[in-house]
Amino acid sequence: MNLGEKIKHLREVEGDLRGLHRPMTQTEVVKAMQDELHENVSQAYLSQLEGNKRLHLTASSRDLLARFFKVHPGYLVSDPPDYSTDLITDVGQETDRLVTWLIASAEEWYMEPTLYDFFARLVEQEEPRRYLAAFRDLANFPIDELEKIVHTIILYHAQNNSHEQ
């Protein structure tokens, strides 16, 4: 994926995250950047990047876009022509692709502490798939009810641990 495609993709994702149900326009990105970070790049600059008229970012623009889109600055470069997101390795099937993905996901979300911590904790679990299945089931509850359930479990666990000591 080249830099222009990545920026277009980030505008799509950011639009969804902001509840727009569509990609953010370049102008919306510039305005939101100014409102939230008090600095911005121009819409013309974004257009040149997305249209592959500019193939590289300045260091300051890369940092600003990475902070706005909450991605690692290293993501904002064009991938080499033979680059593949598939892992190609001679290691046997014992390697758990989920664990590899969780580690990579934690690193990708390092600027979002909640998501970073979530992925990092899943990596530490003996059976991360079971946790993901449980989280899938919990996602069916309204969030207010789920927060009450979790709070009750945490209190119960804390009380039992204090009695054991």
N, C-alpha and C. Protein backbone atom coordinates (compact mmCIF):
# COMPACT_ATOMS: atom_id res chain seq x y z
N MET A 1 0.87 -1.17 0.00
CA MET A 1 0.00 0.00 0.00
C MET A 1 0.91 1.23 0.00
N ASN A 2 0.61 2.18 -0.87
CA ASN A 2 1.44 3.37 -0.88
C ASN A 2 0.90 4.42 0.10
N LEU A 3 1.69 5.46 0.31
CA LEU A 3 1.35 6.49 1.30
C LEU A 3 -0.02 7.10 1.03
N GLY A 4 -0.32 7.42 -0.23
CA GLY A 4 -1.62 8.01 -0.57
C GLY A 4 -2.78 7.12 -0.20
N GLU A 5 -2.63 5.82 -0.48
CA GLU A 5 -3.69 4.85 -0.13
C GLU A 5 -3.86 4.75 1.38
N LYS A 6 -2.75 4.82 2.10
CA LYS A 6 -2.82 4.74 3.56
C LYS A 6 -3.56 5.95 4.14
N ILE A 7 -3.29 7.12 3.61
CA ILE A 7 -3.97 8.32 4.12
C ILE A 7 -5.46 8.26 3.80
N LYS A 8 -5.80 7.83 2.60
CA LYS A 8 -7.22 7.66 2.24
C LYS A 8 -7.89 6.68 3.20
N HIS A 9 -7.20 5.57 3.46
CA HIS A 9 -7.74 4.56 4.38
C HIS A 9 -7.94 5.15 5.78
N LEU A 10 -6.96 5.92 6.25
CA LEU A 10 -7.08 6.53 7.58
C LEU A 10 -8.24 7.51 7.64
N ARG A 11 -8.49 8.25 6.55
CA ARG A 11 -9.65 9.14 6.53
C ARG A 11 -10.96 8.36 6.62
N GLU A 12 -11.00 7.20 5.97
CA GLU A 12 -12.19 6.34 6.05
C GLU A 12 -12.40 5.86 7.49
N VAL A 13 -11.35 5.33 8.08
CA VAL A 13 -11.44 4.81 9.44
C VAL A 13 -11.82 5.92 10.41
N GLU A 14 -11.18 7.07 10.28
CA GLU A 14 -11.45 8.19 11.18
C GLU A 14 -12.90 8.66 11.05
N GLY A 15 -13.42 8.66 9.83
CA GLY A 15 -14.82 9.03 9.63
C GLY A 15 -15.76 8.08 10.36
N ASP A 16 -15.47 6.78 10.28
CA ASP A 16 -16.28 5.80 11.00
C ASP A 16 -16.14 5.97 12.51
N LEU A 17 -14.91 6.17 12.98
CA LEU A 17 -14.69 6.34 14.42
C LEU A 17 -15.42 7.56 14.97
N ARG A 18 -15.56 8.57 14.15
CA ARG A 18 -16.23 9.81 14.57
C ARG A 18 -17.74 9.76 14.31
N GLY A 19 -18.23 8.62 13.89
CA GLY A 19 -19.67 8.45 13.70
C GLY A 19 -20.23 9.08 12.44
N LEU A 20 -19.36 9.40 11.49
CA LEU A 20 -19.84 10.03 10.25
C LEU A 20 -20.42 9.02 9.27
N HIS A 21 -20.03 7.76 9.42
CA HIS A 21 -20.46 6.68 8.52
C HIS A 21 -20.05 6.96 7.08
N ARG A 22 -18.92 7.65 6.95
CA ARG A 22 -18.33 7.94 5.65
C ARG A 22 -16.91 8.43 5.92
N PRO A 23 -16.08 8.43 4.90
CA PRO A 23 -14.73 8.97 5.12
C PRO A 23 -14.78 10.46 5.45
N MET A 24 -13.86 10.90 6.28
CA MET A 24 -13.72 12.34 6.49
C MET A 24 -13.17 12.94 5.20
N THR A 25 -13.60 14.12 4.88
CA THR A 25 -13.01 14.80 3.72
C THR A 25 -11.65 15.34 4.13
N GLN A 26 -10.86 15.67 3.15
CA GLN A 26 -9.55 16.27 3.43
C GLN A 26 -9.72 17.57 4.22
N THR A 27 -10.71 18.35 3.85
CA THR A 27 -10.98 19.62 4.54
C THR A 27 -11.37 19.36 5.99
N GLU A 28 -12.19 18.35 6.24
CA GLU A 28 -12.58 18.00 7.61
C GLU A 28 -11.37 17.57 8.43
N VAL A 29 -10.47 16.82 7.82
CA VAL A 29 -9.26 16.40 8.52
C VAL A 29 -8.44 17.62 8.92
N VAL A 30 -8.24 18.54 7.99
CA VAL A 30 -7.46 19.75 8.27
C VAL A 30 -8.10 20.54 9.40
N LYS A 31 -9.42 20.74 9.35
CA LYS A 31 -10.11 21.51 10.40
C LYS A 31 -10.04 20.80 11.74
N ALA A 32 -10.29 19.49 11.76
CA ALA A 32 -10.24 18.74 13.02
C ALA A 32 -8.83 18.76 13.61
N MET A 33 -7.84 18.65 12.76
CA MET A 33 -6.45 18.71 13.21
C MET A 33 -6.17 20.05 13.88
N GLN A 34 -6.63 21.13 13.25
CA GLN A 34 -6.43 22.46 13.81
C GLN A 34 -7.18 22.61 15.13
N ASP A 35 -8.41 22.15 15.18
CA ASP A 35 -9.22 22.25 16.40
C ASP A 35 -8.65 21.43 17.55
N GLU A 36 -8.17 20.23 17.23
CA GLU A 36 -7.75 19.29 18.28
C GLU A 36 -6.27 19.39 18.64
N LEU A 37 -5.43 19.64 17.64
CA LEU A 37 -3.98 19.65 17.88
C LEU A 37 -3.37 21.05 17.75
N HIS A 38 -4.18 21.99 17.30
CA HIS A 38 -3.76 23.39 17.13
C HIS A 38 -2.62 23.54 16.13
N GLU A 39 -2.56 22.63 15.18
CA GLU A 39 -1.66 22.74 14.04
C GLU A 39 -2.25 21.85 12.95
N ASN A 40 -1.83 22.10 11.72
CA ASN A 40 -2.39 21.31 10.64
C ASN A 40 -1.50 21.35 9.41
N VAL A 41 -1.82 20.48 8.47
CA VAL A 41 -1.25 20.54 7.13
C VAL A 41 -2.35 21.11 6.25
N SER A 42 -2.01 21.53 5.07
CA SER A 42 -3.02 22.10 4.19
C SER A 42 -3.80 21.01 3.46
N GLN A 43 -4.98 21.35 3.02
CA GLN A 43 -5.79 20.42 2.23
C GLN A 43 -5.07 20.11 0.92
N ALA A 44 -4.41 21.10 0.34
CA ALA A 44 -3.68 20.89 -0.91
C ALA A 44 -2.55 19.86 -0.71
N TYR A 45 -1.89 19.93 0.44
CA TYR A 45 -0.81 18.98 0.75
C TYR A 45 -1.36 17.57 0.87
N LEU A 46 -2.49 17.42 1.58
CA LEU A 46 -3.14 16.10 1.67
C LEU A 46 -3.52 15.58 0.28
N SER A 47 -4.05 16.46 -0.55
CA SER A 47 -4.45 16.07 -1.90
C SER A 47 -3.24 15.60 -2.70
N GLN A 48 -2.13 16.31 -2.58
CA GLN A 48 -0.91 15.90 -3.30
C GLN A 48 -0.42 14.54 -2.81
N LEU A 49 -0.50 14.31 -1.50
CA LEU A 49 -0.06 13.02 -0.95
C LEU A 49 -0.96 11.90 -1.45
N GLU A 50 -2.27 12.11 -1.36
CA GLU A 50 -3.22 11.07 -1.77
C GLU A 50 -3.19 10.83 -3.27
N GLY A 51 -2.89 11.86 -4.03
CA GLY A 51 -2.82 11.72 -5.49
C GLY A 51 -1.46 11.27 -5.97
N ASN A 52 -0.58 10.93 -5.02
CA ASN A 52 0.78 10.47 -5.32
C ASN A 52 1.61 11.51 -6.08
N LYS A 53 1.26 12.78 -5.92
CA LYS A 53 2.07 13.87 -6.48
C LYS A 53 3.27 14.11 -5.58
N ARG A 54 3.09 13.86 -4.30
CA ARG A 54 4.17 13.87 -3.30
C ARG A 54 4.28 12.45 -2.79
N LEU A 55 5.49 11.93 -2.80
CA LEU A 55 5.67 10.53 -2.40
C LEU A 55 6.15 10.37 -0.98
N HIS A 56 6.61 11.48 -0.35
CA HIS A 56 7.15 11.41 0.99
C HIS A 56 6.64 12.56 1.84
N LEU A 57 6.57 12.33 3.13
CA LEU A 57 6.18 13.35 4.09
C LEU A 57 7.42 13.99 4.71
N THR A 58 7.29 15.24 5.13
CA THR A 58 8.33 15.81 5.97
C THR A 58 8.20 15.15 7.35
N ALA A 59 9.25 15.18 8.14
CA ALA A 59 9.20 14.58 9.47
C ALA A 59 8.11 15.21 10.32
N SER A 60 7.97 16.53 10.25
CA SER A 60 6.96 17.20 11.07
C SER A 60 5.54 16.84 10.61
N SER A 61 5.33 16.73 9.30
CA SER A 61 4.01 16.34 8.79
C SER A 61 3.69 14.90 9.16
N ARG A 62 4.69 14.02 9.09
CA ARG A 62 4.48 12.62 9.47
C ARG A 62 4.08 12.53 10.94
N ASP A 63 4.78 13.28 11.78
CA ASP A 63 4.47 13.26 13.21
C ASP A 63 3.06 13.79 13.47
N LEU A 64 2.70 14.88 12.81
CA LEU A 64 1.38 15.47 13.01
C LEU A 64 0.27 14.53 12.54
N LEU A 65 0.42 13.95 11.36
CA LEU A 65 -0.60 13.02 10.86
C LEU A 65 -0.68 11.77 11.74
N ALA A 66 0.46 11.29 12.22
CA ALA A 66 0.46 10.11 13.10
C ALA A 66 -0.28 10.42 14.39
N ARG A 67 -0.06 11.61 14.95
CA ARG A 67 -0.76 11.97 16.18
C ARG A 67 -2.25 12.11 15.92
N PHE A 68 -2.62 12.72 14.81
CA PHE A 68 -4.04 12.92 14.52
C PHE A 68 -4.76 11.58 14.31
N PHE A 69 -4.16 10.72 13.48
CA PHE A 69 -4.80 9.44 13.17
C PHE A 69 -4.48 8.36 14.20
N LYS A 70 -3.62 8.69 15.18
CA LYS A 70 -3.25 7.76 16.26
C LYS A 70 -2.65 6.47 15.70
N VAL A 71 -1.66 6.64 14.85
CA VAL A 71 -0.91 5.51 14.30
C VAL A 71 0.57 5.75 14.55
N HIS A 72 1.35 4.71 14.44
CA HIS A 72 2.80 4.84 14.57
C HIS A 72 3.32 5.62 13.36
N PRO A 73 4.22 6.58 13.56
CA PRO A 73 4.74 7.35 12.42
C PRO A 73 5.32 6.48 11.31
N GLY A 74 5.88 5.33 11.68
CA GLY A 74 6.44 4.43 10.68
C GLY A 74 5.40 3.87 9.72
N TYR A 75 4.14 3.90 10.10
CA TYR A 75 3.07 3.44 9.21
C TYR A 75 2.94 4.35 8.00
N LEU A 76 3.29 5.62 8.17
CA LEU A 76 3.06 6.62 7.14
C LEU A 76 4.21 6.71 6.13
N VAL A 77 4.54 5.58 5.58
CA VAL A 77 5.49 5.50 4.47
C VAL A 77 4.92 4.50 3.47
N SER A 78 5.33 4.60 2.23
CA SER A 78 4.88 3.62 1.24
C SER A 78 5.58 2.30 1.49
N ASP A 79 4.84 1.22 1.33
CA ASP A 79 5.42 -0.10 1.48
C ASP A 79 6.25 -0.42 0.24
N PRO A 80 7.34 -1.18 0.39
CA PRO A 80 8.13 -1.58 -0.78
C PRO A 80 7.26 -2.39 -1.74
N PRO A 81 7.61 -2.41 -3.02
CA PRO A 81 6.78 -3.11 -4.02
C PRO A 81 6.52 -4.58 -3.69
N ASP A 82 7.49 -5.27 -3.08
CA ASP A 82 7.30 -6.69 -2.80
C ASP A 82 6.81 -6.95 -1.38
N TYR A 83 6.35 -5.90 -0.69
CA TYR A 83 5.92 -6.02 0.70
C TYR A 83 4.61 -6.81 0.77
N SER A 84 4.52 -7.68 1.77
CA SER A 84 3.30 -8.46 1.99
C SER A 84 2.96 -8.40 3.47
N THR A 85 1.70 -8.28 3.79
CA THR A 85 1.28 -8.29 5.19
C THR A 85 1.18 -9.70 5.73
N ASP A 86 1.26 -10.70 4.84
CA ASP A 86 1.25 -12.09 5.29
C ASP A 86 2.61 -12.44 5.86
N LEU A 87 2.60 -13.20 6.94
CA LEU A 87 3.84 -13.65 7.54
C LEU A 87 4.31 -14.89 6.78
N ILE A 88 5.51 -14.79 6.24
CA ILE A 88 6.08 -15.92 5.54
C ILE A 88 7.29 -16.36 6.34
N THR A 89 7.25 -17.58 6.85
CA THR A 89 8.30 -18.04 7.73
C THR A 89 8.49 -19.54 7.58
N ASP A 90 9.66 -20.00 7.94
CA ASP A 90 9.94 -21.42 7.94
C ASP A 90 9.60 -22.06 9.27
N VAL A 91 9.17 -21.27 10.23
CA VAL A 91 8.84 -21.79 11.55
C VAL A 91 7.64 -22.71 11.41
N GLY A 92 7.63 -23.80 12.16
CA GLY A 92 6.53 -24.76 12.10
C GLY A 92 5.21 -24.18 12.54
N GLN A 93 4.18 -24.95 12.45
CA GLN A 93 2.83 -24.50 12.78
C GLN A 93 2.63 -24.25 14.26
N GLU A 94 3.64 -24.55 15.11
CA GLU A 94 3.47 -24.31 16.54
C GLU A 94 3.28 -22.82 16.85
N THR A 95 3.75 -21.96 15.95
CA THR A 95 3.62 -20.52 16.15
C THR A 95 2.15 -20.16 16.12
N ASP A 96 1.68 -19.50 17.16
CA ASP A 96 0.28 -19.10 17.24
C ASP A 96 0.11 -17.75 16.55
N ARG A 97 -0.57 -17.74 15.41
CA ARG A 97 -0.76 -16.50 14.65
C ARG A 97 -1.54 -15.47 15.46
N LEU A 98 -2.45 -15.92 16.33
CA LEU A 98 -3.21 -14.98 17.15
C LEU A 98 -2.28 -14.20 18.07
N VAL A 99 -1.36 -14.88 18.72
CA VAL A 99 -0.43 -14.21 19.62
C VAL A 99 0.42 -13.21 18.83
N THR A 100 0.88 -13.62 17.66
CA THR A 100 1.66 -12.71 16.81
C THR A 100 0.83 -11.48 16.46
N TRP A 101 -0.43 -11.70 16.11
CA TRP A 101 -1.31 -10.59 15.75
C TRP A 101 -1.57 -9.69 16.96
N LEU A 102 -1.77 -10.28 18.14
CA LEU A 102 -2.02 -9.49 19.35
C LEU A 102 -0.81 -8.61 19.68
N ILE A 103 0.37 -9.16 19.55
CA ILE A 103 1.59 -8.38 19.82
C ILE A 103 1.68 -7.22 18.84
N ALA A 104 1.46 -7.49 17.56
CA ALA A 104 1.51 -6.42 16.55
C ALA A 104 0.42 -5.39 16.79
N SER A 105 -0.75 -5.83 17.20
CA SER A 105 -1.86 -4.91 17.46
C SER A 105 -1.56 -4.02 18.66
N ALA A 106 -0.96 -4.59 19.69
CA ALA A 106 -0.59 -3.79 20.86
C ALA A 106 0.35 -2.68 20.43
N GLU A 107 1.34 -3.01 19.63
CA GLU A 107 2.31 -2.00 19.18
C GLU A 107 1.65 -0.94 18.31
N GLU A 108 0.71 -1.37 17.46
CA GLU A 108 0.04 -0.42 16.57
C GLU A 108 -0.78 0.60 17.35
N TRP A 109 -1.32 0.19 18.50
CA TRP A 109 -2.19 1.05 19.29
C TRP A 109 -1.49 1.65 20.51
N TYR A 110 -0.18 1.79 20.46
CA TYR A 110 0.55 2.27 21.64
C TYR A 110 0.12 3.68 22.06
N MET A 111 -0.42 4.47 21.16
CA MET A 111 -0.85 5.83 21.53
C MET A 111 -2.25 5.85 22.14
N GLU A 112 -2.92 4.72 22.16
CA GLU A 112 -4.25 4.57 22.78
C GLU A 112 -4.08 3.62 23.96
N PRO A 113 -3.80 4.13 25.16
CA PRO A 113 -3.45 3.26 26.29
C PRO A 113 -4.46 2.14 26.58
N THR A 114 -5.73 2.40 26.43
CA THR A 114 -6.73 1.36 26.73
C THR A 114 -6.60 0.19 25.75
N LEU A 115 -6.49 0.50 24.46
CA LEU A 115 -6.37 -0.57 23.47
C LEU A 115 -5.02 -1.26 23.57
N TYR A 116 -3.97 -0.49 23.79
CA TYR A 116 -2.64 -1.08 23.95
C TYR A 116 -2.64 -2.07 25.11
N ASP A 117 -3.16 -1.64 26.25
CA ASP A 117 -3.20 -2.50 27.44
C ASP A 117 -4.06 -3.74 27.20
N PHE A 118 -5.19 -3.58 26.52
CA PHE A 118 -6.07 -4.70 26.22
C PHE A 118 -5.33 -5.78 25.43
N PHE A 119 -4.69 -5.39 24.33
CA PHE A 119 -3.98 -6.36 23.50
C PHE A 119 -2.80 -6.96 24.26
N ALA A 120 -2.07 -6.12 25.00
CA ALA A 120 -0.91 -6.62 25.74
C ALA A 120 -1.33 -7.64 26.80
N ARG A 121 -2.45 -7.39 27.47
CA ARG A 121 -2.92 -8.35 28.49
C ARG A 121 -3.40 -9.65 27.85
N LEU A 122 -4.03 -9.55 26.69
CA LEU A 122 -4.46 -10.78 26.00
C LEU A 122 -3.26 -11.65 25.64
N VAL A 123 -2.16 -11.03 25.23
CA VAL A 123 -0.96 -11.78 24.88
C VAL A 123 -0.48 -12.61 26.06
N GLU A 124 -0.64 -12.07 27.28
CA GLU A 124 -0.14 -12.74 28.49
C GLU A 124 -1.01 -13.92 28.92
N GLN A 125 -2.21 -14.02 28.38
CA GLN A 125 -3.13 -15.07 28.81
C GLN A 125 -2.78 -16.40 28.16
N GLU A 126 -2.99 -17.48 28.92
CA GLU A 126 -2.71 -18.82 28.41
C GLU A 126 -3.65 -19.20 27.26
N GLU A 127 -4.91 -18.74 27.35
CA GLU A 127 -5.90 -19.07 26.32
C GLU A 127 -6.60 -17.80 25.82
N PRO A 128 -5.90 -16.99 25.03
CA PRO A 128 -6.50 -15.72 24.58
C PRO A 128 -7.78 -15.91 23.76
N ARG A 129 -7.90 -17.02 23.05
CA ARG A 129 -9.13 -17.25 22.26
C ARG A 129 -10.36 -17.36 23.16
N ARG A 130 -10.20 -17.97 24.31
CA ARG A 130 -11.33 -18.08 25.24
C ARG A 130 -11.74 -16.70 25.74
N TYR A 131 -10.76 -15.85 26.01
CA TYR A 131 -11.09 -14.48 26.43
C TYR A 131 -11.83 -13.75 25.31
N LEU A 132 -11.36 -13.89 24.08
CA LEU A 132 -12.03 -13.22 22.96
C LEU A 132 -13.45 -13.73 22.79
N ALA A 133 -13.66 -15.04 22.97
CA ALA A 133 -15.01 -15.60 22.87
C ALA A 133 -15.90 -15.02 23.97
N ALA A 134 -15.35 -14.90 25.19
CA ALA A 134 -16.12 -14.32 26.30
C ALA A 134 -16.44 -12.85 26.02
N PHE A 135 -15.46 -12.10 25.49
CA PHE A 135 -15.70 -10.69 25.18
C PHE A 135 -16.76 -10.55 24.09
N ARG A 136 -16.74 -11.47 23.12
CA ARG A 136 -17.77 -11.45 22.07
C ARG A 136 -19.15 -11.59 22.68
N ASP A 137 -19.29 -12.55 23.62
CA ASP A 137 -20.57 -12.77 24.27
C ASP A 137 -20.98 -11.57 25.12
N LEU A 138 -20.01 -10.97 25.81
CA LEU A 138 -20.31 -9.80 26.65
C LEU A 138 -20.74 -8.59 25.83
N ALA A 139 -20.31 -8.53 24.59
CA ALA A 139 -20.68 -7.39 23.73
C ALA A 139 -22.18 -7.36 23.44
N ASN A 140 -22.89 -8.43 23.77
CA ASN A 140 -24.35 -8.45 23.58
C ASN A 140 -25.09 -7.71 24.68
N PHE A 141 -24.40 -7.42 25.81
CA PHE A 141 -25.02 -6.72 26.93
C PHE A 141 -24.97 -5.21 26.68
N PRO A 142 -25.97 -4.47 27.14
CA PRO A 142 -25.86 -3.01 27.13
C PRO A 142 -24.67 -2.61 28.00
N ILE A 143 -23.93 -1.62 27.61
CA ILE A 143 -22.69 -1.26 28.29
C ILE A 143 -22.93 -0.90 29.76
N ASP A 144 -24.03 -0.24 30.07
CA ASP A 144 -24.31 0.11 31.47
C ASP A 144 -24.43 -1.14 32.34
N GLU A 145 -25.14 -2.15 31.84
CA GLU A 145 -25.28 -3.41 32.59
C GLU A 145 -23.93 -4.11 32.71
N LEU A 146 -23.19 -4.12 31.63
CA LEU A 146 -21.89 -4.79 31.63
C LEU A 146 -20.93 -4.13 32.63
N GLU A 147 -20.93 -2.82 32.70
CA GLU A 147 -20.07 -2.13 33.66
C GLU A 147 -20.45 -2.49 35.09
N LYS A 148 -21.74 -2.61 35.37
CA LYS A 148 -22.18 -3.01 36.72
C LYS A 148 -21.71 -4.43 37.04
N ILE A 149 -21.83 -5.33 36.07
CA ILE A 149 -21.40 -6.72 36.28
C ILE A 149 -19.91 -6.76 36.56
N VAL A 150 -19.13 -6.08 35.77
CA VAL A 150 -17.68 -6.07 35.94
C VAL A 150 -17.31 -5.47 37.29
N HIS A 151 -17.94 -4.37 37.66
CA HIS A 151 -17.67 -3.73 38.94
C HIS A 151 -17.96 -4.70 40.10
N THR A 152 -19.08 -5.43 40.02
CA THR A 152 -19.45 -6.40 41.06
C THR A 152 -18.40 -7.52 41.14
N ILE A 153 -17.97 -8.00 40.01
CA ILE A 153 -16.95 -9.06 40.00
C ILE A 153 -15.65 -8.56 40.61
N ILE A 154 -15.23 -7.36 40.29
CA ILE A 154 -13.99 -6.80 40.83
C ILE A 154 -14.10 -6.65 42.34
N LEU A 155 -15.24 -6.16 42.84
CA LEU A 155 -15.43 -6.02 44.29
C LEU A 155 -15.40 -7.39 44.97
N TYR A 156 -16.10 -8.35 44.39
CA TYR A 156 -16.14 -9.70 44.95
C TYR A 156 -14.73 -10.30 45.01
N HIS A 157 -13.99 -10.14 43.94
CA HIS A 157 -12.63 -10.67 43.88
C HIS A 157 -11.72 -9.98 44.91
N ALA A 158 -11.84 -8.68 45.04
CA ALA A 158 -11.04 -7.94 46.01
C ALA A 158 -11.36 -8.38 47.44
N GLN A 159 -12.64 -8.58 47.74
CA GLN A 159 -13.05 -9.00 49.08
C GLN A 159 -12.52 -10.40 49.39
N ASN A 160 -12.61 -11.32 48.45
CA ASN A 160 -12.11 -12.68 48.67
C ASN A 160 -10.61 -12.72 48.83
N ASN A 161 -9.90 -11.87 48.09
CA ASN A 161 -8.44 -11.83 48.23
C ASN A 161 -8.04 -11.24 49.58
N SER A 162 -8.79 -10.27 50.09
CA SER A 162 -8.43 -9.66 51.38
C SER A 162 -8.70 -10.64 52.52
N HIS A 163 -9.71 -11.52 52.38
CA HIS A 163 -9.99 -12.53 53.41
C HIS A 163 -8.92 -13.61 53.44
N GLU A 164 -8.33 -13.90 52.28
CA GLU A 164 -7.31 -14.95 52.19
C GLU A 164 -6.01 -14.50 52.83
N GLN A 165 -5.78 -13.20 52.90
CA GLN A 165 -4.51 -12.69 53.41
C GLN A 165 -4.66 -12.50 54.89
